[in-house]
Amino acid sequence: MPANQPLSPKKLCITDLDGTLLHSAGIISDANKQALIDLGELGILRVLATGRSLYSLKNVIPHDVPFDYVIFATGAGILNWQTQELIFSHDLDAEAVKEVCDTLEEFEIDYMLQHKIPDTHLIHYRIKSGIPDFKERIKRYEDFAEELDLNHLDEIMEATEFLAMVAQDQEEIYHELHRRLHPYSAVRTTSPVDLCTIWIEIFAPGINKGGALHYIMRKFQARPQEIMVIGNDYNDLEMLKISPHAFVTANAPQELKDKYHTVASCDTNGFAEAVRIWLSS
């Protein structure tokens, strides 16, 4: 342990991926990787919390990157990264799929339905307004995507989530869906593709990054003061709220920077900076 050993134990470090740990060029910097190694040597569990599917995650993160657990699909699944064992998953059932779909159909918005855990990268899509960001996502997943046939919706027995997209100036649609779809979990985030389109993820009740973090905290009997959390976007809010040691990177929306300790951007090793601050506190 460092000479200035902290008075209280430190058990968990939880980090978002895109816009936080990951450089905008799609890599983990040497400084951030070393911070992960240092945490492991101190016996602190390293938890990645991402909105990505396992398929997408494993395309950018090699298995030898030193994580202990991975929260993926915004909390719908949790993976033991070392053993690759799925330890938690929670999907929408057939009734929920029908109810959410009926509500989304009332709006002139694009949305997709993603297969159950762990095959979240397999999608059914519905183009209604034709937002460029939505079309780009379909293009990226063209080998795994097919149009949603509403006449056969009852054949879909389970799904991880719905993902709807609206323009940056249509934030009121998110608030309306959040209200209408309660108690389902409607999570807002910013597109990692064009960095402005609003993504609205709809999950089973209670599913978000914060809910998944609570699961891990119970598993390891960790208290809020014993963990550190860092993120950069609205879908990180539920986990940022949990810890008094919560950080956001400089590339986060101003609304988040006004609430949480701000460190350097994802391109200038903000994660490593947050770890140094936390370990010395």
Protein backbone atom coordinates (compact mmCIF):
# COMPACT_ATOMS: atom_id res chain seq x y z
CA MET A 1 0.00 0.00 0.00
CA PRO A 2 1.16 3.59 -0.52
CA ALA A 3 2.84 5.40 2.39
CA ASN A 4 -0.27 7.56 2.81
CA GLN A 5 -2.48 4.50 3.34
CA PRO A 6 -6.16 5.56 3.47
CA LEU A 7 -8.03 5.23 6.74
CA SER A 8 -11.05 3.53 5.17
CA PRO A 9 -10.92 0.38 3.00
CA LYS A 10 -11.30 0.63 -0.75
CA LYS A 11 -13.01 -2.34 -2.38
CA LEU A 12 -14.39 -1.50 -5.83
CA CYS A 13 -13.49 0.77 -8.72
CA ILE A 14 -16.26 1.08 -11.32
CA THR A 15 -15.67 2.76 -14.66
CA ASP A 16 -17.69 3.45 -17.77
CA LEU A 17 -16.00 2.58 -21.08
CA ASP A 18 -16.76 4.89 -24.03
CA GLY A 19 -15.88 8.49 -23.28
CA THR A 20 -14.38 7.53 -19.92
CA LEU A 21 -11.80 4.73 -19.85
CA LEU A 22 -11.59 4.44 -23.63
CA HIS A 23 -9.76 7.09 -25.64
CA SER A 24 -11.82 8.57 -28.48
CA ALA A 25 -9.47 6.72 -30.83
CA GLY A 26 -10.87 3.46 -29.41
CA ILE A 27 -7.92 2.41 -27.23
CA ILE A 28 -7.10 2.22 -23.54
CA SER A 29 -4.07 4.40 -22.90
CA ASP A 30 -0.98 3.04 -21.18
CA ALA A 31 -1.67 5.31 -18.18
CA ASN A 32 -5.23 4.03 -17.78
CA LYS A 33 -4.16 0.42 -18.21
CA GLN A 34 -1.45 0.90 -15.57
CA ALA A 35 -4.05 2.35 -13.20
CA LEU A 36 -6.10 -0.83 -13.62
CA ILE A 37 -3.02 -2.93 -12.86
CA ASP A 38 -2.23 -0.83 -9.77
CA LEU A 39 -5.78 -1.30 -8.48
CA GLY A 40 -5.47 -5.06 -8.86
CA GLU A 41 -2.18 -5.11 -6.95
CA LEU A 42 -3.95 -3.31 -4.10
CA GLY A 43 -6.65 -5.98 -4.04
CA ILE A 44 -9.33 -3.61 -5.35
CA LEU A 45 -11.89 -5.15 -7.70
CA ARG A 46 -12.07 -3.50 -11.12
CA VAL A 47 -15.54 -3.30 -12.64
CA LEU A 48 -16.32 -2.10 -16.15
CA ALA A 49 -19.85 -0.76 -16.68
CA THR A 50 -20.81 -0.29 -20.33
CA GLY A 51 -23.86 0.07 -22.51
CA ARG A 52 -22.26 -2.15 -25.13
CA SER A 53 -23.31 -5.72 -25.87
CA LEU A 54 -20.80 -8.47 -25.14
CA TYR A 55 -20.18 -8.80 -28.88
CA SER A 56 -19.38 -5.10 -29.25
CA LEU A 57 -17.35 -5.01 -26.03
CA LYS A 58 -15.13 -7.91 -27.02
CA ASN A 59 -14.43 -6.24 -30.36
CA VAL A 60 -12.65 -3.39 -28.55
CA ILE A 61 -11.47 -4.89 -25.25
CA PRO A 62 -9.04 -7.84 -25.34
CA HIS A 63 -9.57 -10.54 -22.73
CA ASP A 64 -6.23 -9.72 -21.09
CA VAL A 65 -7.32 -6.21 -20.05
CA PRO A 66 -7.35 -6.48 -16.25
CA PHE A 67 -11.01 -6.28 -15.24
CA ASP A 68 -12.64 -8.52 -12.66
CA TYR A 69 -16.29 -7.99 -13.58
CA VAL A 70 -18.11 -6.41 -16.52
CA ILE A 71 -21.56 -4.84 -16.35
CA PHE A 72 -22.82 -4.79 -19.93
CA ALA A 73 -25.96 -3.76 -21.82
CA THR A 74 -26.40 -0.91 -19.32
CA GLY A 75 -26.86 -3.35 -16.45
CA ALA A 76 -28.96 -6.07 -18.06
CA GLY A 77 -26.05 -8.50 -17.73
CA ILE A 78 -22.99 -9.02 -15.51
CA LEU A 79 -20.01 -11.14 -16.51
CA ASN A 80 -17.13 -12.50 -14.44
CA TRP A 81 -14.43 -11.24 -16.80
CA GLN A 82 -11.78 -13.66 -15.54
CA THR A 83 -13.87 -16.82 -15.99
CA GLN A 84 -16.27 -15.44 -18.66
CA GLU A 85 -19.17 -16.75 -16.57
CA LEU A 86 -22.48 -14.90 -16.85
CA ILE A 87 -23.52 -14.25 -13.24
CA PHE A 88 -26.60 -12.07 -13.78
CA SER A 89 -29.07 -11.27 -16.54
CA HIS A 90 -32.58 -9.88 -16.71
CA ASP A 91 -34.61 -9.50 -19.91
CA LEU A 92 -37.98 -8.14 -20.95
CA ASP A 93 -40.61 -10.88 -21.21
CA ALA A 94 -43.11 -11.28 -24.07
CA GLU A 95 -45.80 -9.19 -22.36
CA ALA A 96 -43.34 -6.36 -21.77
CA VAL A 97 -42.10 -6.52 -25.37
CA LYS A 98 -45.68 -6.08 -26.62
CA GLU A 99 -46.48 -3.26 -24.19
CA VAL A 100 -43.32 -1.23 -24.94
CA CYS A 101 -43.64 -1.78 -28.67
CA ASP A 102 -47.26 -0.56 -28.65
CA THR A 103 -46.16 2.63 -26.90
CA LEU A 104 -43.23 3.29 -29.24
CA GLU A 105 -45.52 2.85 -32.23
CA GLU A 106 -47.45 5.94 -31.10
CA PHE A 107 -44.37 8.06 -31.84
CA GLU A 108 -42.75 8.80 -35.18
CA ILE A 109 -39.34 7.58 -34.05
CA ASP A 110 -36.83 4.92 -35.05
CA TYR A 111 -36.31 2.02 -32.69
CA MET A 112 -34.81 -1.43 -32.48
CA LEU A 113 -35.39 -4.49 -30.34
CA GLN A 114 -32.31 -6.38 -29.18
CA HIS A 115 -32.28 -10.14 -28.54
CA LYS A 116 -32.05 -11.57 -25.02
CA ILE A 117 -28.77 -11.79 -23.10
CA PRO A 118 -26.13 -12.68 -24.21
CA ASP A 119 -27.06 -12.14 -27.89
CA THR A 120 -27.84 -8.44 -27.55
CA HIS A 121 -26.06 -7.64 -30.83
CA LEU A 122 -28.85 -9.41 -32.77
CA ILE A 123 -31.53 -6.86 -33.57
CA HIS A 124 -34.94 -6.25 -35.12
CA TYR A 125 -35.34 -2.67 -36.31
CA ARG A 126 -38.14 -0.29 -37.26
CA ILE A 127 -37.30 2.81 -39.32
CA LYS A 128 -39.98 5.50 -39.09
CA SER A 129 -38.20 8.89 -39.21
CA GLY A 130 -34.87 7.78 -40.67
CA ILE A 131 -32.41 9.51 -38.33
CA PRO A 132 -28.90 9.21 -39.86
CA ASP A 133 -27.44 7.89 -36.59
CA PHE A 134 -30.02 5.08 -36.56
CA LYS A 135 -29.26 4.16 -40.17
CA GLU A 136 -25.54 4.13 -39.37
CA ARG A 137 -26.10 1.68 -36.51
CA ILE A 138 -28.15 -0.60 -38.76
CA LYS A 139 -25.35 -0.46 -41.33
CA ARG A 140 -22.77 -1.43 -38.71
CA TYR A 141 -24.88 -4.40 -37.63
CA GLU A 142 -26.23 -5.37 -41.05
CA ASP A 143 -25.06 -8.97 -40.62
CA PHE A 144 -27.10 -9.24 -37.41
CA ALA A 145 -30.13 -7.07 -38.23
CA GLU A 146 -33.55 -7.63 -39.75
CA GLU A 147 -36.66 -5.51 -40.01
CA LEU A 148 -39.20 -5.90 -37.24
CA ASP A 149 -42.41 -7.53 -38.46
CA LEU A 150 -45.15 -6.33 -36.14
CA ASN A 151 -47.40 -9.16 -37.32
CA HIS A 152 -45.00 -11.65 -35.74
CA LEU A 153 -44.16 -9.71 -32.59
CA ASP A 154 -45.78 -12.38 -30.42
CA GLU A 155 -43.05 -14.80 -31.50
CA ILE A 156 -40.47 -12.79 -29.54
CA MET A 157 -40.61 -14.30 -26.07
CA GLU A 158 -37.72 -12.36 -24.48
CA ALA A 159 -35.51 -9.39 -25.35
CA THR A 160 -32.78 -7.43 -23.62
CA GLU A 161 -34.00 -3.97 -24.52
CA PHE A 162 -35.53 -1.52 -26.93
CA LEU A 163 -33.31 1.25 -28.24
CA ALA A 164 -35.06 4.31 -29.65
CA MET A 165 -33.32 7.33 -31.17
CA VAL A 166 -34.45 10.94 -31.39
CA ALA A 167 -32.79 14.15 -32.53
CA GLN A 168 -30.91 16.32 -30.05
CA ASP A 169 -33.75 18.87 -29.98
CA GLN A 170 -36.40 16.23 -29.16
CA GLU A 171 -35.51 15.67 -25.52
CA GLU A 172 -39.19 15.99 -24.58
CA ILE A 173 -39.82 12.61 -26.24
CA TYR A 174 -37.45 10.97 -23.75
CA HIS A 175 -39.29 12.57 -20.82
CA GLU A 176 -42.66 11.48 -22.24
CA LEU A 177 -41.50 7.89 -22.74
CA HIS A 178 -39.94 7.87 -19.29
CA ARG A 179 -43.32 8.85 -17.84
CA ARG A 180 -45.46 6.61 -20.03
CA LEU A 181 -43.38 3.47 -19.66
CA HIS A 182 -42.98 3.47 -15.87
CA PRO A 183 -42.08 1.13 -14.16
CA TYR A 184 -39.87 0.00 -17.04
CA SER A 185 -36.38 1.46 -16.93
CA ALA A 186 -35.98 4.19 -19.58
CA VAL A 187 -32.34 5.28 -19.70
CA ARG A 188 -31.09 8.26 -21.65
CA THR A 189 -27.63 8.38 -23.18
CA THR A 190 -25.81 10.22 -25.96
CA SER A 191 -24.94 8.46 -29.19
CA PRO A 192 -21.29 7.33 -29.26
CA VAL A 193 -21.54 7.51 -33.07
CA ASP A 194 -22.46 11.13 -33.84
CA LEU A 195 -22.12 12.39 -30.23
CA CYS A 196 -25.43 14.27 -30.33
CA THR A 197 -28.40 11.99 -31.09
CA ILE A 198 -30.37 11.05 -27.96
CA TRP A 199 -30.56 7.30 -27.37
CA ILE A 200 -33.41 6.02 -25.22
CA GLU A 201 -32.84 2.50 -23.85
CA ILE A 202 -35.83 0.67 -22.38
CA PHE A 203 -35.24 -2.28 -20.05
CA ALA A 204 -37.07 -4.35 -17.50
CA PRO A 205 -37.89 -2.49 -14.25
CA GLY A 206 -34.82 -1.68 -12.16
CA ILE A 207 -32.30 -2.37 -14.89
CA ASN A 208 -29.58 0.26 -15.17
CA LYS A 209 -25.90 0.54 -14.30
CA GLY A 210 -26.73 1.52 -10.73
CA GLY A 211 -28.87 -1.55 -10.17
CA ALA A 212 -26.10 -3.80 -11.45
CA LEU A 213 -23.58 -2.02 -9.23
CA HIS A 214 -25.78 -2.65 -6.19
CA TYR A 215 -25.76 -6.35 -7.11
CA ILE A 216 -21.95 -6.41 -7.10
CA MET A 217 -21.78 -4.37 -3.90
CA ARG A 218 -24.03 -6.90 -2.14
CA LYS A 219 -21.93 -9.76 -3.49
CA PHE A 220 -18.75 -8.30 -1.99
CA GLN A 221 -20.33 -6.51 1.01
CA ALA A 222 -19.05 -3.15 -0.16
CA ARG A 223 -20.42 0.09 1.23
CA PRO A 224 -20.82 3.27 -0.85
CA GLN A 225 -17.85 4.93 0.88
CA GLU A 226 -15.66 1.96 -0.12
CA ILE A 227 -16.16 2.36 -3.87
CA MET A 228 -15.17 4.77 -6.61
CA VAL A 229 -17.29 5.45 -9.71
CA ILE A 230 -16.38 7.32 -12.89
CA GLY A 231 -18.47 8.02 -16.00
CA ASN A 232 -19.20 10.62 -18.65
CA ASP A 233 -22.86 10.49 -19.68
CA TYR A 234 -26.45 10.34 -18.50
CA ASN A 235 -26.60 6.54 -18.48
CA ASP A 236 -23.93 6.63 -15.74
CA LEU A 237 -26.09 8.71 -13.39
CA GLU A 238 -27.62 5.85 -11.41
CA MET A 239 -24.19 4.51 -10.49
CA LEU A 240 -22.64 7.95 -9.92
CA LYS A 241 -25.34 8.65 -7.33
CA ILE A 242 -24.28 5.65 -5.25
CA SER A 243 -20.78 6.69 -4.21
CA PRO A 244 -19.45 9.79 -2.45
CA HIS A 245 -16.33 9.18 -4.58
CA ALA A 246 -17.93 9.88 -7.96
CA PHE A 247 -16.05 11.41 -10.89
CA VAL A 248 -16.86 12.49 -14.43
CA THR A 249 -14.47 13.20 -17.27
CA ALA A 250 -14.08 16.69 -18.75
CA ASN A 251 -15.93 15.57 -21.90
CA ALA A 252 -19.13 14.93 -19.89
CA PRO A 253 -22.20 17.19 -20.27
CA GLN A 254 -21.99 20.35 -18.16
CA GLU A 255 -24.98 19.19 -16.11
CA LEU A 256 -22.94 16.23 -14.83
CA LYS A 257 -19.77 18.29 -14.33
CA ASP A 258 -21.76 20.65 -12.11
CA LYS A 259 -22.68 17.74 -9.83
CA TYR A 260 -19.56 15.58 -9.67
CA HIS A 261 -15.80 15.93 -9.30
CA THR A 262 -14.43 16.57 -12.80
CA VAL A 263 -11.13 15.10 -13.96
CA ALA A 264 -9.32 15.24 -17.30
CA SER A 265 -11.03 14.09 -20.50
CA CYS A 266 -11.06 10.54 -21.79
CA ASP A 267 -8.28 11.57 -24.20
CA THR A 268 -6.00 12.83 -21.43
CA ASN A 269 -6.18 9.96 -18.91
CA GLY A 270 -9.06 11.19 -16.77
CA PHE A 271 -9.59 7.67 -15.41
CA ALA A 272 -5.99 7.42 -14.16
CA GLU A 273 -6.31 10.86 -12.57
CA ALA A 274 -9.50 9.85 -10.73
CA VAL A 275 -7.85 6.68 -9.45
CA ARG A 276 -4.89 8.67 -8.08
CA ILE A 277 -7.23 11.11 -6.30
CA TRP A 278 -9.32 8.28 -4.82
CA LEU A 279 -6.36 6.22 -3.62
CA SER A 280 -4.85 9.22 -1.89
CA SER A 281 -8.08 10.26 -0.16
